[in-house]
Amino acid sequence: MTISTADTTLSEPRSQDALLVASLLHLMSHYSAKKGDGEQPCVKLASVIERHLCALARLPSIDPVLRATCEQLADQWAGVVDAKLPPPAPARQPLLARFMKNGWPGKAAALAG
């Protein structure tokens, strides 16, 4: 595979757009291939796909239909990422609050003795 470098100065923004779309398609195909092999798809890969979609939607020269599609797909991929993340750990009470709630065993032993 050869990449033509002739006259890239005039089409630099377009080649960057094409590079972004190509990398996005590559990432999405890897995600679906992992899913098809019975493996658990990677959350990091889904997150990178979401970021690429967001970057593509923010391009100033992008077609409005493509922008809307990228925004919708980015929302869907964000849902995939959120669903795969582990639930947050429950917040622990501060040490003093735990002592006050349960009582301090040292205090009862000192009073009894």
Protein backbone atom coordinates (compact mmCIF):
# COMPACT_ATOMS: atom_id res chain seq x y z
CA MET A 1 0.00 0.00 0.00
CA THR A 2 1.44 3.35 -0.99
CA ILE A 3 0.31 6.74 0.17
CA SER A 4 0.49 9.57 -2.30
CA THR A 5 2.15 12.68 -0.92
CA ALA A 6 1.62 14.80 -4.03
CA ASP A 7 -0.02 18.17 -3.41
CA THR A 8 -1.00 17.64 0.22
CA THR A 9 -0.77 21.34 1.06
CA LEU A 10 -4.10 22.21 -0.57
CA SER A 11 -6.00 19.25 0.84
CA GLU A 12 -4.45 19.11 4.33
CA PRO A 13 -7.74 19.62 6.26
CA ARG A 14 -9.51 17.09 4.04
CA SER A 15 -6.75 14.52 4.53
CA GLN A 16 -6.98 15.01 8.31
CA ASP A 17 -10.75 14.44 8.09
CA ALA A 18 -10.21 11.30 6.06
CA LEU A 19 -7.56 10.09 8.51
CA LEU A 20 -9.96 10.59 11.42
CA VAL A 21 -12.74 8.68 9.64
CA ALA A 22 -10.35 5.88 8.67
CA SER A 23 -9.06 5.49 12.22
CA LEU A 24 -12.61 5.52 13.56
CA LEU A 25 -13.68 2.77 11.18
CA HIS A 26 -10.60 0.78 12.14
CA LEU A 27 -11.39 1.07 15.86
CA MET A 28 -15.03 0.15 15.35
CA SER A 29 -14.13 -2.93 13.33
CA HIS A 30 -11.76 -4.10 16.10
CA TYR A 31 -14.50 -3.59 18.68
CA SER A 32 -17.02 -5.63 16.69
CA ALA A 33 -14.42 -8.33 15.90
CA LYS A 34 -13.72 -8.82 19.62
CA LYS A 35 -17.44 -9.00 20.29
CA GLY A 36 -17.83 -11.62 17.54
CA ASP A 37 -15.02 -13.80 18.91
CA GLY A 38 -16.84 -14.25 22.20
CA GLU A 39 -14.37 -12.00 24.01
CA GLN A 40 -15.56 -9.22 26.28
CA PRO A 41 -15.15 -5.97 24.31
CA CYS A 42 -12.74 -3.47 25.82
CA VAL A 43 -14.17 -0.42 27.61
CA LYS A 44 -11.11 1.62 26.69
CA LEU A 45 -11.66 0.87 23.01
CA ALA A 46 -15.30 1.95 23.26
CA SER A 47 -14.18 5.14 25.00
CA VAL A 48 -11.66 5.91 22.24
CA ILE A 49 -14.38 5.36 19.62
CA GLU A 50 -16.63 7.80 21.48
CA ARG A 51 -13.85 10.43 21.59
CA HIS A 52 -13.15 10.01 17.86
CA LEU A 53 -16.84 10.49 17.08
CA CYS A 54 -16.91 13.65 19.21
CA ALA A 55 -13.79 14.97 17.46
CA LEU A 56 -15.31 14.26 14.07
CA ALA A 57 -18.55 16.03 15.03
CA ARG A 58 -16.58 19.14 16.09
CA LEU A 59 -14.86 19.58 12.73
CA PRO A 60 -15.91 22.93 11.24
CA SER A 61 -16.06 21.70 7.66
CA ILE A 62 -18.14 18.59 8.28
CA ASP A 63 -21.49 18.06 6.59
CA PRO A 64 -24.43 18.74 8.96
CA VAL A 65 -25.90 15.28 8.40
CA LEU A 66 -22.58 13.63 9.22
CA ARG A 67 -22.20 15.90 12.28
CA ALA A 68 -25.63 14.90 13.60
CA THR A 69 -24.88 11.22 12.97
CA CYS A 70 -21.55 11.45 14.80
CA GLU A 71 -23.20 13.20 17.75
CA GLN A 72 -25.90 10.52 17.99
CA LEU A 73 -23.37 7.71 17.71
CA ALA A 74 -21.13 9.37 20.31
CA ASP A 75 -24.09 9.39 22.72
CA GLN A 76 -24.72 5.70 22.05
CA TRP A 77 -21.04 4.81 22.57
CA ALA A 78 -21.03 6.84 25.77
CA GLY A 79 -23.89 4.61 26.94
CA VAL A 80 -21.83 1.53 26.12
CA VAL A 81 -18.90 2.90 28.12
CA ASP A 82 -21.10 3.85 31.07
CA ALA A 83 -22.74 0.41 31.11
CA LYS A 84 -19.38 -1.37 31.17
CA LEU A 85 -17.82 0.72 33.94
CA PRO A 86 -17.87 -0.81 37.42
CA PRO A 87 -20.29 0.80 39.87
CA PRO A 88 -18.73 3.40 42.14
CA ALA A 89 -17.64 2.20 45.55
CA PRO A 90 -19.93 3.26 48.36
CA ALA A 91 -18.69 6.26 50.28
CA ARG A 92 -17.17 5.37 53.62
CA GLN A 93 -18.01 7.29 56.72
CA PRO A 94 -15.21 9.24 58.31
CA LEU A 95 -13.39 7.46 61.12
CA LEU A 96 -14.82 9.71 63.85
CA ALA A 97 -18.39 9.13 62.64
CA ARG A 98 -17.87 5.35 62.77
CA PHE A 99 -16.56 5.57 66.35
CA MET A 100 -19.47 7.76 67.41
CA LYS A 101 -22.02 5.40 65.81
CA ASN A 102 -20.62 2.12 67.17
CA GLY A 103 -19.19 3.40 70.42
CA TRP A 104 -15.54 3.13 71.33
CA PRO A 105 -14.62 -0.20 72.93
CA GLY A 106 -11.77 1.41 74.86
CA LYS A 107 -14.18 3.79 76.58
CA ALA A 108 -16.45 0.98 77.87
CA ALA A 109 -13.46 -1.02 79.12
CA ALA A 110 -12.08 2.00 81.01
CA LEU A 111 -15.42 2.69 82.72
CA ALA A 112 -15.96 -0.97 83.68
CA GLY A 113 -12.52 -1.35 85.18
